[in-house]
């Protein structure tokens, strides 16, 4: 099992910035992808940003140019830097990790951290 601990959520004003962190620990073998999803009230969970082990990234159109994702492989930690925040970014943000061990594909989720963008 892999445990994910998220931090960095909170309340921020529109136009502000915030950074989320997610540290993975436990039975880490080979993490293929780390990233972030979010779920706003009444909406489905959606991908925000993901980064593969080789460094390729993918962003939701709604955050492209405002959010960046980075990884510290030595610490098994992924970060989401969020700039120019908008009220519509308000959601619970979930860390997501995919690990492949031979034929097994394992997916793990963090407990979620709340981001509220409001004046």
PDB file of N, CA and C in Angstrom:
ATOM      1  N   UNK A   1       0.827  -1.193   0.000  1.00  0.00           N
ATOM      2  CA  UNK A   1       0.000   0.000   0.000  1.00  0.00           C
ATOM      3  C   UNK A   1       0.868   1.253   0.000  1.00  0.00           C
ATOM      4  N   UNK A   2       0.356   2.248  -0.666  1.00  0.00           N
ATOM      5  CA  UNK A   2       1.007   3.552  -0.713  1.00  0.00           C
ATOM      6  C   UNK A   2       0.102   4.552  -0.004  1.00  0.00           C
ATOM      7  N   UNK A   3       0.689   5.313   0.875  1.00  0.00           N
ATOM      8  CA  UNK A   3      -0.060   6.350   1.577  1.00  0.00           C
ATOM      9  C   UNK A   3       0.290   7.712   0.977  1.00  0.00           C
ATOM     10  N   UNK A   4      -0.722   8.546   0.870  1.00  0.00           N
ATOM     11  CA  UNK A   4      -0.538   9.891   0.321  1.00  0.00           C
ATOM     12  C   UNK A   4      -0.988  10.907   1.357  1.00  0.00           C
ATOM     13  N   UNK A   5      -0.132  11.868   1.610  1.00  0.00           N
ATOM     14  CA  UNK A   5      -0.457  12.923   2.566  1.00  0.00           C
ATOM     15  C   UNK A   5      -0.392  14.251   1.834  1.00  0.00           C
ATOM     16  N   UNK A   6      -1.526  14.922   1.785  1.00  0.00           N
ATOM     17  CA  UNK A   6      -1.638  16.200   1.089  1.00  0.00           C
ATOM     18  C   UNK A   6      -1.567  17.350   2.093  1.00  0.00           C
ATOM     19  N   UNK A   7      -1.110  18.469   1.602  1.00  0.00           N
ATOM     20  CA  UNK A   7      -1.099  19.672   2.426  1.00  0.00           C
ATOM     21  C   UNK A   7      -1.138  20.893   1.525  1.00  0.00           C
ATOM     22  N   UNK A   8      -1.514  22.021   2.107  1.00  0.00           N
ATOM     23  CA  UNK A   8      -1.442  23.287   1.384  1.00  0.00           C
ATOM     24  C   UNK A   8      -2.761  23.914   1.012  1.00  0.00           C
ATOM     25  N   UNK A   9      -3.859  23.256   1.251  1.00  0.00           N
ATOM     26  CA  UNK A   9      -5.143  23.855   0.909  1.00  0.00           C
ATOM     27  C   UNK A   9      -5.477  25.006   1.846  1.00  0.00           C
ATOM     28  N   UNK A  10      -6.548  25.714   1.500  1.00  0.00           N
ATOM     29  CA  UNK A  10      -6.973  26.808   2.347  1.00  0.00           C
ATOM     30  C   UNK A  10      -7.844  27.792   1.625  1.00  0.00           C
ATOM     31  N   UNK A  11      -7.945  28.978   2.209  1.00  0.00           N
ATOM     32  CA  UNK A  11      -8.749  30.053   1.651  1.00  0.00           C
ATOM     33  C   UNK A  11      -7.824  31.092   1.025  1.00  0.00           C
ATOM     34  N   UNK A  12      -8.115  31.472  -0.205  1.00  0.00           N
ATOM     35  CA  UNK A  12      -7.295  32.471  -0.890  1.00  0.00           C
ATOM     36  C   UNK A  12      -8.204  33.386  -1.691  1.00  0.00           C
ATOM     37  N   UNK A  13      -7.781  34.616  -1.847  1.00  0.00           N
ATOM     38  CA  UNK A  13      -8.570  35.572  -2.610  1.00  0.00           C
ATOM     39  C   UNK A  13      -8.374  35.358  -4.103  1.00  0.00           C
ATOM     40  N   UNK A  14      -9.350  35.750  -4.886  1.00  0.00           N
ATOM     41  CA  UNK A  14      -9.185  35.669  -6.346  1.00  0.00           C
ATOM     42  C   UNK A  14      -7.929  36.405  -6.795  1.00  0.00           C
ATOM     43  N   UNK A  15      -7.212  35.761  -7.700  1.00  0.00           N
ATOM     44  CA  UNK A  15      -5.950  36.315  -8.172  1.00  0.00           C
ATOM     45  C   UNK A  15      -4.757  35.877  -7.363  1.00  0.00           C
ATOM     46  N   UNK A  16      -5.005  35.233  -6.255  1.00  0.00           N
ATOM     47  CA  UNK A  16      -3.927  34.787  -5.390  1.00  0.00           C
ATOM     48  C   UNK A  16      -3.292  33.491  -5.846  1.00  0.00           C
ATOM     49  N   UNK A  17      -2.331  33.040  -5.047  1.00  0.00           N
ATOM     50  CA  UNK A  17      -1.588  31.821  -5.359  1.00  0.00           C
ATOM     51  C   UNK A  17      -1.556  30.901  -4.160  1.00  0.00           C
ATOM     52  N   UNK A  18      -1.356  29.638  -4.458  1.00  0.00           N
ATOM     53  CA  UNK A  18      -1.257  28.633  -3.403  1.00  0.00           C
ATOM     54  C   UNK A  18      -0.512  27.441  -3.976  1.00  0.00           C
ATOM     55  N   UNK A  19       0.168  26.719  -3.119  1.00  0.00           N
ATOM     56  CA  UNK A  19       0.854  25.498  -3.566  1.00  0.00           C
ATOM     57  C   UNK A  19       0.382  24.320  -2.739  1.00  0.00           C
ATOM     58  N   UNK A  20       0.001  23.276  -3.431  1.00  0.00           N
ATOM     59  CA  UNK A  20      -0.363  22.015  -2.799  1.00  0.00           C
ATOM     60  C   UNK A  20       0.816  21.051  -2.874  1.00  0.00           C
ATOM     61  N   UNK A  21       0.929  20.235  -1.835  1.00  0.00           N
ATOM     62  CA  UNK A  21       1.967  19.203  -1.809  1.00  0.00           C
ATOM     63  C   UNK A  21       1.340  17.862  -1.510  1.00  0.00           C
ATOM     64  N   UNK A  22       1.935  16.833  -2.042  1.00  0.00           N
ATOM     65  CA  UNK A  22       1.474  15.473  -1.780  1.00  0.00           C
ATOM     66  C   UNK A  22       2.697  14.572  -1.677  1.00  0.00           C
ATOM     67  N   UNK A  23       2.862  13.994  -0.505  1.00  0.00           N
ATOM     68  CA  UNK A  23       3.997  13.105  -0.270  1.00  0.00           C
ATOM     69  C   UNK A  23       3.522  11.663  -0.220  1.00  0.00           C
ATOM     70  N   UNK A  24       4.180  10.829  -0.984  1.00  0.00           N
ATOM     71  CA  UNK A  24       3.857   9.413  -1.019  1.00  0.00           C
ATOM     72  C   UNK A  24       4.841   8.638  -0.164  1.00  0.00           C
ATOM     73  N   UNK A  25       4.313   7.633   0.522  1.00  0.00           N
ATOM     74  CA  UNK A  25       5.165   6.778   1.347  1.00  0.00           C
ATOM     75  C   UNK A  25       4.573   5.377   1.371  1.00  0.00           C
ATOM     76  N   UNK A  26       5.338   4.451   1.927  1.00  0.00           N
ATOM     77  CA  UNK A  26       4.853   3.078   2.011  1.00  0.00           C
ATOM     78  C   UNK A  26       5.528   2.193   0.993  1.00  0.00           C
ATOM     79  N   UNK A  27       4.746   1.322   0.393  1.00  0.00           N
ATOM     80  CA  UNK A  27       5.278   0.328  -0.538  1.00  0.00           C
ATOM     81  C   UNK A  27       5.427   0.929  -1.935  1.00  0.00           C
ATOM     82  N   UNK A  28       6.410   1.799  -2.040  1.00  0.00           N
ATOM     83  CA  UNK A  28       6.663   2.446  -3.327  1.00  0.00           C
ATOM     84  C   UNK A  28       7.659   1.608  -4.109  1.00  0.00           C
ATOM     85  N   UNK A  29       7.252   1.227  -5.299  1.00  0.00           N
ATOM     86  CA  UNK A  29       8.113   0.423  -6.152  1.00  0.00           C
ATOM     87  C   UNK A  29       8.535   1.225  -7.369  1.00  0.00           C
ATOM     88  N   UNK A  30       7.563   1.635  -8.138  1.00  0.00           N
ATOM     89  CA  UNK A  30       7.849   2.419  -9.333  1.00  0.00           C
ATOM     90  C   UNK A  30       6.624   3.255  -9.659  1.00  0.00           C
ATOM     91  N   UNK A  31       6.667   4.491  -9.244  1.00  0.00           N
ATOM     92  CA  UNK A  31       5.533   5.375  -9.508  1.00  0.00           C
ATOM     93  C   UNK A  31       5.599   5.851 -10.948  1.00  0.00           C
ATOM     94  N   UNK A  32       4.556   5.570 -11.681  1.00  0.00           N
ATOM     95  CA  UNK A  32       4.512   5.941 -13.083  1.00  0.00           C
ATOM     96  C   UNK A  32       3.950   7.339 -13.300  1.00  0.00           C
ATOM     97  N   UNK A  33       2.995   7.694 -12.460  1.00  0.00           N
ATOM     98  CA  UNK A  33       2.347   8.987 -12.660  1.00  0.00           C
ATOM     99  C   UNK A  33       1.881   9.531 -11.340  1.00  0.00           C
ATOM    100  N   UNK A  34       2.071  10.813 -11.152  1.00  0.00           N
ATOM    101  CA  UNK A  34       1.553  11.524  -9.998  1.00  0.00           C
ATOM    102  C   UNK A  34       0.776  12.724 -10.504  1.00  0.00           C
ATOM    103  N   UNK A  35      -0.262  13.083  -9.790  1.00  0.00           N
ATOM    104  CA  UNK A  35      -1.018  14.232 -10.250  1.00  0.00           C
ATOM    105  C   UNK A  35      -2.113  14.645  -9.303  1.00  0.00           C
ATOM    106  N   UNK A  36      -2.926  15.533  -9.805  1.00  0.00           N
ATOM    107  CA  UNK A  36      -3.990  16.135  -9.013  1.00  0.00           C
ATOM    108  C   UNK A  36      -5.313  16.118  -9.768  1.00  0.00           C
ATOM    109  N   UNK A  37      -6.348  15.810  -9.021  1.00  0.00           N
ATOM    110  CA  UNK A  37      -7.712  15.906  -9.500  1.00  0.00           C
ATOM    111  C   UNK A  37      -8.450  16.848  -8.555  1.00  0.00           C
ATOM    112  N   UNK A  38      -9.617  17.264  -8.966  1.00  0.00           N
ATOM    113  CA  UNK A  38     -10.437  18.080  -8.075  1.00  0.00           C
ATOM    114  C   UNK A  38     -11.909  17.763  -8.281  1.00  0.00           C
ATOM    115  N   UNK A  39     -12.668  18.056  -7.240  1.00  0.00           N
ATOM    116  CA  UNK A  39     -14.101  17.836  -7.303  1.00  0.00           C
ATOM    117  C   UNK A  39     -14.801  18.988  -6.614  1.00  0.00           C
ATOM    118  N   UNK A  40     -15.565  19.714  -7.386  1.00  0.00           N
ATOM    119  CA  UNK A  40     -16.364  20.814  -6.854  1.00  0.00           C
ATOM    120  C   UNK A  40     -17.737  20.282  -6.449  1.00  0.00           C
ATOM    121  N   UNK A  41     -18.428  20.977  -5.558  1.00  0.00           N
ATOM    122  CA  UNK A  41     -19.755  20.509  -5.123  1.00  0.00           C
ATOM    123  C   UNK A  41     -20.689  20.311  -6.310  1.00  0.00           C
ATOM    124  N   UNK A  42     -21.312  19.148  -6.342  1.00  0.00           N
ATOM    125  CA  UNK A  42     -22.268  18.853  -7.398  1.00  0.00           C
ATOM    126  C   UNK A  42     -21.664  18.489  -8.732  1.00  0.00           C
ATOM    127  N   UNK A  43     -20.342  18.376  -8.785  1.00  0.00           N
ATOM    128  CA  UNK A  43     -19.685  18.050 -10.048  1.00  0.00           C
ATOM    129  C   UNK A  43     -18.871  16.783  -9.911  1.00  0.00           C
ATOM    130  N   UNK A  44     -18.529  16.212 -11.053  1.00  0.00           N
ATOM    131  CA  UNK A  44     -17.705  15.018 -11.057  1.00  0.00           C
ATOM    132  C   UNK A  44     -16.237  15.383 -10.829  1.00  0.00           C
ATOM    133  N   UNK A  45     -15.505  14.432 -10.321  1.00  0.00           N
ATOM    134  CA  UNK A  45     -14.074  14.626 -10.150  1.00  0.00           C
ATOM    135  C   UNK A  45     -13.427  14.758 -11.524  1.00  0.00           C
ATOM    136  N   UNK A  46     -12.509  15.712 -11.640  1.00  0.00           N
ATOM    137  CA  UNK A  46     -11.865  15.940 -12.923  1.00  0.00           C
ATOM    138  C   UNK A  46     -10.358  16.058 -12.731  1.00  0.00           C
ATOM    139  N   UNK A  47      -9.643  15.730 -13.773  1.00  0.00           N
ATOM    140  CA  UNK A  47      -8.196  15.854 -13.716  1.00  0.00           C
ATOM    141  C   UNK A  47      -7.813  17.322 -13.781  1.00  0.00           C
ATOM    142  N   UNK A  48      -6.822  17.684 -12.988  1.00  0.00           N
ATOM    143  CA  UNK A  48      -6.290  19.044 -13.008  1.00  0.00           C
ATOM    144  C   UNK A  48      -4.934  19.059 -13.711  1.00  0.00           C
ATOM    145  N   UNK A  49      -4.031  18.231 -13.221  1.00  0.00           N
ATOM    146  CA  UNK A  49      -2.693  18.167 -13.802  1.00  0.00           C
ATOM    147  C   UNK A  49      -2.057  16.853 -13.397  1.00  0.00           C
ATOM    148  N   UNK A  50      -1.337  16.245 -14.331  1.00  0.00           N
ATOM    149  CA  UNK A  50      -0.631  15.008 -14.037  1.00  0.00           C
ATOM    150  C   UNK A  50       0.758  15.069 -14.656  1.00  0.00           C
ATOM    151  N   UNK A  51       1.660  14.315 -14.051  1.00  0.00           N
ATOM    152  CA  UNK A  51       3.026  14.258 -14.551  1.00  0.00           C
ATOM    153  C   UNK A  51       3.501  12.813 -14.504  1.00  0.00           C
ATOM    154  N   UNK A  52       4.052  12.343 -15.612  1.00  0.00           N
ATOM    155  CA  UNK A  52       4.552  10.984 -15.658  1.00  0.00           C
ATOM    156  C   UNK A  52       5.974  10.917 -15.108  1.00  0.00           C
ATOM    157  N   UNK A  53       6.464   9.713 -14.979  1.00  0.00           N
ATOM    158  CA  UNK A  53       7.803   9.524 -14.440  1.00  0.00           C
ATOM    159  C   UNK A  53       8.882  10.085 -15.352  1.00  0.00           C
ATOM    160  N   UNK A  54       8.556  10.221 -16.614  1.00  0.00           N
ATOM    161  CA  UNK A  54       9.545  10.777 -17.550  1.00  0.00           C
ATOM    162  C   UNK A  54       9.385  12.281 -17.713  1.00  0.00           C
ATOM    163  N   UNK A  55       8.452  12.860 -16.949  1.00  0.00           N
ATOM    164  CA  UNK A  55       8.340  14.306 -16.925  1.00  0.00           C
ATOM    165  C   UNK A  55       7.307  14.928 -17.829  1.00  0.00           C
ATOM    166  N   UNK A  56       6.613  14.141 -18.586  1.00  0.00           N
ATOM    167  CA  UNK A  56       5.585  14.724 -19.440  1.00  0.00           C
ATOM    168  C   UNK A  56       4.381  15.113 -18.587  1.00  0.00           C
ATOM    169  N   UNK A  57       3.733  16.179 -18.989  1.00  0.00           N
ATOM    170  CA  UNK A  57       2.627  16.717 -18.204  1.00  0.00           C
ATOM    171  C   UNK A  57       1.371  16.870 -19.047  1.00  0.00           C
ATOM    172  N   UNK A  58       0.264  16.930 -18.343  1.00  0.00           N
ATOM    173  CA  UNK A  58      -1.017  17.159 -18.986  1.00  0.00           C
ATOM    174  C   UNK A  58      -1.867  17.988 -18.029  1.00  0.00           C
ATOM    175  N   UNK A  59      -2.472  19.034 -18.583  1.00  0.00           N
ATOM    176  CA  UNK A  59      -3.263  19.945 -17.766  1.00  0.00           C
ATOM    177  C   UNK A  59      -4.686  20.049 -18.289  1.00  0.00           C
ATOM    178  N   UNK A  60      -5.609  20.293 -17.392  1.00  0.00           N
ATOM    179  CA  UNK A  60      -6.962  20.632 -17.810  1.00  0.00           C
ATOM    180  C   UNK A  60      -6.921  21.986 -18.516  1.00  0.00           C
ATOM    181  N   UNK A  61      -7.747  22.141 -19.518  1.00  0.00           N
ATOM    182  CA  UNK A  61      -7.774  23.403 -20.268  1.00  0.00           C
ATOM    183  C   UNK A  61      -8.036  24.588 -19.347  1.00  0.00           C
ATOM    184  N   UNK A  62      -8.833  24.370 -18.340  1.00  0.00           N
ATOM    185  CA  UNK A  62      -9.234  25.462 -17.452  1.00  0.00           C
ATOM    186  C   UNK A  62      -8.103  25.993 -16.585  1.00  0.00           C
ATOM    187  N   UNK A  63      -7.024  25.222 -16.453  1.00  0.00           N
ATOM    188  CA  UNK A  63      -5.916  25.657 -15.595  1.00  0.00           C
ATOM    189  C   UNK A  63      -4.632  25.886 -16.379  1.00  0.00           C
ATOM    190  N   UNK A  64      -4.633  25.553 -17.652  1.00  0.00           N
ATOM    191  CA  UNK A  64      -3.454  25.716 -18.496  1.00  0.00           C
ATOM    192  C   UNK A  64      -2.960  27.152 -18.419  1.00  0.00           C
ATOM    193  N   UNK A  65      -1.653  27.286 -18.148  1.00  0.00           N
ATOM    194  CA  UNK A  65      -1.064  28.613 -18.072  1.00  0.00           C
ATOM    195  C   UNK A  65      -1.129  29.242 -16.699  1.00  0.00           C
ATOM    196  N   UNK A  66      -1.940  28.692 -15.815  1.00  0.00           N
ATOM    197  CA  UNK A  66      -2.057  29.227 -14.447  1.00  0.00           C
ATOM    198  C   UNK A  66      -1.462  28.275 -13.406  1.00  0.00           C
ATOM    199  N   UNK A  67      -1.590  26.991 -13.666  1.00  0.00           N
ATOM    200  CA  UNK A  67      -1.090  25.983 -12.724  1.00  0.00           C
ATOM    201  C   UNK A  67       0.146  25.317 -13.308  1.00  0.00           C
ATOM    202  N   UNK A  68       1.052  24.945 -12.435  1.00  0.00           N
ATOM    203  CA  UNK A  68       2.190  24.129 -12.837  1.00  0.00           C
ATOM    204  C   UNK A  68       2.308  22.945 -11.882  1.00  0.00           C
ATOM    205  N   UNK A  69       2.824  21.859 -12.407  1.00  0.00           N
ATOM    206  CA  UNK A  69       3.021  20.661 -11.612  1.00  0.00           C
ATOM    207  C   UNK A  69       4.496  20.300 -11.639  1.00  0.00           C
ATOM    208  N   UNK A  70       4.986  19.843 -10.500  1.00  0.00           N
ATOM    209  CA  UNK A  70       6.385  19.433 -10.420  1.00  0.00           C
ATOM    210  C   UNK A  70       6.504  18.260  -9.470  1.00  0.00           C
ATOM    211  N   UNK A  71       7.612  17.549  -9.592  1.00  0.00           N
ATOM    212  CA  UNK A  71       7.852  16.371  -8.760  1.00  0.00           C
ATOM    213  C   UNK A  71       9.247  16.431  -8.173  1.00  0.00           C
ATOM    214  N   UNK A  72       9.365  15.933  -6.963  1.00  0.00           N
ATOM    215  CA  UNK A  72      10.659  15.666  -6.352  1.00  0.00           C
ATOM    216  C   UNK A  72      10.732  14.160  -6.203  1.00  0.00           C
ATOM    217  N   UNK A  73      11.377  13.510  -7.144  1.00  0.00           N
ATOM    218  CA  UNK A  73      11.392  12.043  -7.153  1.00  0.00           C
ATOM    219  C   UNK A  73      12.105  11.480  -5.933  1.00  0.00           C
ATOM    220  N   UNK A  74      13.097  12.178  -5.447  1.00  0.00           N
ATOM    221  CA  UNK A  74      13.829  11.688  -4.272  1.00  0.00           C
ATOM    222  C   UNK A  74      12.932  11.656  -3.046  1.00  0.00           C
ATOM    223  N   UNK A  75      11.961  12.571  -3.002  1.00  0.00           N
ATOM    224  CA  UNK A  75      11.041  12.648  -1.866  1.00  0.00           C
ATOM    225  C   UNK A  75       9.680  12.035  -2.180  1.00  0.00           C
ATOM    226  N   UNK A  76       9.523  11.527  -3.403  1.00  0.00           N
ATOM    227  CA  UNK A  76       8.223  10.982  -3.826  1.00  0.00           C
ATOM    228  C   UNK A  76       7.107  11.976  -3.534  1.00  0.00           C
ATOM    229  N   UNK A  77       7.359  13.188  -3.904  1.00  0.00           N
ATOM    230  CA  UNK A  77       6.425  14.269  -3.624  1.00  0.00           C
ATOM    231  C   UNK A  77       6.074  14.989  -4.918  1.00  0.00           C
ATOM    232  N   UNK A  78       4.813  15.337  -5.041  1.00  0.00           N
ATOM    233  CA  UNK A  78       4.342  16.101  -6.183  1.00  0.00           C
ATOM    234  C   UNK A  78       3.738  17.408  -5.669  1.00  0.00           C
ATOM    235  N   UNK A  79       3.963  18.451  -6.444  1.00  0.00           N
ATOM    236  CA  UNK A  79       3.488  19.774  -6.069  1.00  0.00           C
ATOM    237  C   UNK A  79       2.564  20.326  -7.158  1.00  0.00           C
ATOM    238  N   UNK A  80       1.634  21.136  -6.731  1.00  0.00           N
ATOM    239  CA  UNK A  80       0.777  21.847  -7.673  1.00  0.00           C
ATOM    240  C   UNK A  80       0.822  23.322  -7.292  1.00  0.00           C
ATOM    241  N   UNK A  81       1.483  24.089  -8.128  1.00  0.00           N
ATOM    242  CA  UNK A  81       1.540  25.531  -7.921  1.00  0.00           C
ATOM    243  C   UNK A  81       0.377  26.160  -8.669  1.00  0.00           C
ATOM    244  N   UNK A  82      -0.454  26.863  -7.935  1.00  0.00           N
ATOM    245  CA  UNK A  82      -1.661  27.446  -8.511  1.00  0.00           C
ATOM    246  C   UNK A  82      -1.580  28.964  -8.432  1.00  0.00           C
ATOM    247  N   UNK A  83      -1.603  29.596  -9.572  1.00  0.00           N
ATOM    248  CA  UNK A  83      -1.541  31.046  -9.655  1.00  0.00           C
ATOM    249  C   UNK A  83      -2.807  31.599 -10.303  1.00  0.00           C
ATOM    250  N   UNK A  84      -3.015  32.888 -10.126  1.00  0.00           N
ATOM    251  CA  UNK A  84      -4.182  33.556 -10.723  1.00  0.00           C
ATOM    252  C   UNK A  84      -5.460  32.786 -10.430  1.00  0.00           C
ATOM    253  N   UNK A  85      -5.638  32.442  -9.200  1.00  0.00           N
ATOM    254  CA  UNK A  85      -6.772  31.607  -8.809  1.00  0.00           C
ATOM    255  C   UNK A  85      -8.093  32.320  -9.023  1.00  0.00           C
ATOM    256  N   UNK A  86      -9.076  31.529  -9.387  1.00  0.00           N
ATOM    257  CA  UNK A  86     -10.419  32.025  -9.668  1.00  0.00           C
ATOM    258  C   UNK A  86     -11.421  31.334  -8.748  1.00  0.00           C
ATOM    259  N   UNK A  87     -12.563  31.957  -8.510  1.00  0.00           N
ATOM    260  CA  UNK A  87     -13.574  31.293  -7.667  1.00  0.00           C
ATOM    261  C   UNK A  87     -13.955  29.903  -8.192  1.00  0.00           C
ATOM    262  N   UNK A  88     -13.931  29.743  -9.511  1.00  0.00           N
ATOM    263  CA  UNK A  88     -14.294  28.439 -10.067  1.00  0.00           C
ATOM    264  C   UNK A  88     -13.235  27.367  -9.826  1.00  0.00           C
ATOM    265  N   UNK A  89     -12.101  27.741  -9.250  1.00  0.00           N
ATOM    266  CA  UNK A  89     -11.105  26.747  -8.857  1.00  0.00           C
ATOM    267  C   UNK A  89     -11.433  26.135  -7.498  1.00  0.00           C
ATOM    268  N   UNK A  90     -12.432  26.684  -6.837  1.00  0.00           N
ATOM    269  CA  UNK A  90     -12.836  26.153  -5.539  1.00  0.00           C
ATOM    270  C   UNK A  90     -13.273  24.705  -5.674  1.00  0.00           C
ATOM    271  N   UNK A  91     -12.663  23.838  -4.885  1.00  0.00           N
ATOM    272  CA  UNK A  91     -12.940  22.408  -4.952  1.00  0.00           C
ATOM    273  C   UNK A  91     -12.110  21.692  -3.896  1.00  0.00           C
ATOM    274  N   UNK A  92     -12.404  20.428  -3.736  1.00  0.00           N
ATOM    275  CA  UNK A  92     -11.512  19.558  -2.972  1.00  0.00           C
ATOM    276  C   UNK A  92     -10.509  18.979  -3.964  1.00  0.00           C
ATOM    277  N   UNK A  93      -9.256  19.132  -3.654  1.00  0.00           N
ATOM    278  CA  UNK A  93      -8.186  18.661  -4.528  1.00  0.00           C
ATOM    279  C   UNK A  93      -7.631  17.346  -3.986  1.00  0.00           C
ATOM    280  N   UNK A  94      -7.516  16.383  -4.882  1.00  0.00           N
ATOM    281  CA  UNK A  94      -7.065  15.046  -4.509  1.00  0.00           C
ATOM    282  C   UNK A  94      -5.759  14.719  -5.226  1.00  0.00           C
ATOM    283  N   UNK A  95      -4.825  14.212  -4.473  1.00  0.00           N
ATOM    284  CA  UNK A  95      -3.595  13.693  -5.048  1.00  0.00           C
ATOM    285  C   UNK A  95      -3.869  12.292  -5.592  1.00  0.00           C
ATOM    286  N   UNK A  96      -3.242  11.980  -6.701  1.00  0.00           N
ATOM    287  CA  UNK A  96      -3.433  10.675  -7.342  1.00  0.00           C
ATOM    288  C   UNK A  96      -2.088  10.107  -7.762  1.00  0.00           C
ATOM    289  N   UNK A  97      -1.886   8.854  -7.463  1.00  0.00           N
ATOM    290  CA  UNK A  97      -0.626   8.180  -7.818  1.00  0.00           C
ATOM    291  C   UNK A  97      -0.962   6.862  -8.504  1.00  0.00           C
ATOM    292  N   UNK A  98      -0.261   6.610  -9.589  1.00  0.00           N
ATOM    293  CA  UNK A  98      -0.382   5.330 -10.285  1.00  0.00           C
ATOM    294  C   UNK A  98       0.980   4.650 -10.270  1.00  0.00           C
ATOM    295  N   UNK A  99       0.953   3.418  -9.829  1.00  0.00           N
ATOM    296  CA  UNK A  99       2.178   2.628  -9.735  1.00  0.00           C
ATOM    297  C   UNK A  99       1.942   1.316 -10.468  1.00  0.00           C
ATOM    298  N   UNK A 100       2.941   0.913 -11.233  1.00  0.00           N
ATOM    299  CA  UNK A 100       2.852  -0.352 -11.960  1.00  0.00           C
ATOM    300  C   UNK A 100       3.923  -1.283 -11.425  1.00  0.00           C
ATOM    301  N   UNK A 101       3.484  -2.457 -11.007  1.00  0.00           N
ATOM    302  CA  UNK A 101       4.416  -3.476 -10.522  1.00  0.00           C
ATOM    303  C   UNK A 101       4.163  -4.736 -11.344  1.00  0.00           C
ATOM    304  N   UNK A 102       5.006  -4.964 -12.340  1.00  0.00           N
ATOM    305  CA  UNK A 102       4.806  -6.097 -13.229  1.00  0.00           C
ATOM    306  C   UNK A 102       3.459  -5.961 -13.915  1.00  0.00           C
ATOM    307  N   UNK A 103       2.599  -6.972 -13.760  1.00  0.00           N
ATOM    308  CA  UNK A 103       1.284  -6.911 -14.406  1.00  0.00           C
ATOM    309  C   UNK A 103       0.248  -6.124 -13.615  1.00  0.00           C
ATOM    310  N   UNK A 104       0.649  -5.665 -12.432  1.00  0.00           N
ATOM    311  CA  UNK A 104      -0.304  -5.007 -11.553  1.00  0.00           C
ATOM    312  C   UNK A 104      -0.248  -3.494 -11.706  1.00  0.00           C
ATOM    313  N   UNK A 105      -1.416  -2.900 -11.852  1.00  0.00           N
ATOM    314  CA  UNK A 105      -1.540  -1.448 -11.888  1.00  0.00           C
ATOM    315  C   UNK A 105      -2.254  -1.008 -10.613  1.00  0.00           C
ATOM    316  N   UNK A 106      -1.574  -0.219  -9.838  1.00  0.00           N
ATOM    317  CA  UNK A 106      -2.128   0.234  -8.571  1.00  0.00           C
ATOM    318  C   UNK A 106      -2.405   1.729  -8.642  1.00  0.00           C
ATOM    319  N   UNK A 107      -3.537   2.124  -8.123  1.00  0.00           N
ATOM    320  CA  UNK A 107      -3.904   3.540  -8.109  1.00  0.00           C
ATOM    321  C   UNK A 107      -4.288   3.932  -6.688  1.00  0.00           C
ATOM    322  N   UNK A 108      -3.766   5.055  -6.264  1.00  0.00           N
ATOM    323  CA  UNK A 108      -3.994   5.521  -4.907  1.00  0.00           C
ATOM    324  C   UNK A 108      -4.480   6.974  -4.928  1.00  0.00           C
ATOM    325  N   UNK A 109      -5.289   7.282  -3.909  1.00  0.00           N
ATOM    326  CA  UNK A 109      -5.826   8.632  -3.768  1.00  0.00           C
ATOM    327  C   UNK A 109      -5.514   9.190  -2.385  1.00  0.00           C
ATOM    328  N   UNK A 110      -5.267  10.482  -2.340  1.00  0.00           N
ATOM    329  CA  UNK A 110      -5.143  11.146  -1.063  1.00  0.00           C
ATOM    330  C   UNK A 110      -6.516  11.415  -0.468  1.00  0.00           C
ATOM    331  N   UNK A 111      -6.507  11.962   0.725  1.00  0.00           N
ATOM    332  CA  UNK A 111      -7.764  12.193   1.435  1.00  0.00           C
ATOM    333  C   UNK A 111      -8.465  13.455   0.960  1.00  0.00           C
ATOM    334  N   UNK A 112      -7.747  14.276   0.226  1.00  0.00           N
ATOM    335  CA  UNK A 112      -8.337  15.503  -0.296  1.00  0.00           C
ATOM    336  C   UNK A 112      -8.026  16.707   0.582  1.00  0.00           C
ATOM    337  N   UNK A 113      -7.823  17.831  -0.071  1.00  0.00           N
ATOM    338  CA  UNK A 113      -7.590  19.081   0.649  1.00  0.00           C
ATOM    339  C   UNK A 113      -8.453  20.173   0.011  1.00  0.00           C
ATOM    340  N   UNK A 114      -9.100  20.951   0.832  1.00  0.00           N
ATOM    341  CA  UNK A 114     -10.048  21.947   0.351  1.00  0.00           C
ATOM    342  C   UNK A 114      -9.347  23.223  -0.076  1.00  0.00           C
ATOM    343  N   UNK A 115      -9.684  23.693  -1.264  1.00  0.00           N
ATOM    344  CA  UNK A 115      -9.260  25.009  -1.726  1.00  0.00           C
ATOM    345  C   UNK A 115     -10.509  25.850  -1.929  1.00  0.00           C
ATOM    346  N   UNK A 116     -10.535  26.993  -1.293  1.00  0.00           N
ATOM    347  CA  UNK A 116     -11.634  27.927  -1.471  1.00  0.00           C
ATOM    348  C   UNK A 116     -11.076  29.250  -1.966  1.00  0.00           C
ATOM    349  N   UNK A 117     -11.576  29.684  -3.098  1.00  0.00           N
ATOM    350  CA  UNK A 117     -11.150  30.961  -3.675  1.00  0.00           C
ATOM    351  C   UNK A 117     -12.318  31.914  -3.546  1.00  0.00           C
ATOM    352  N   UNK A 118     -12.153  32.891  -2.685  1.00  0.00           N
ATOM    353  CA  UNK A 118     -13.253  33.808  -2.396  1.00  0.00           C
ATOM    354  C   UNK A 118     -12.717  35.093  -1.792  1.00  0.00           C
ATOM    355  N   UNK A 119     -13.413  36.184  -2.083  1.00  0.00           N
ATOM    356  CA  UNK A 119     -13.040  37.460  -1.488  1.00  0.00           C
ATOM    357  C   UNK A 119     -13.826  37.699  -0.205  1.00  0.00           C
TER     358      UNK A 119
END
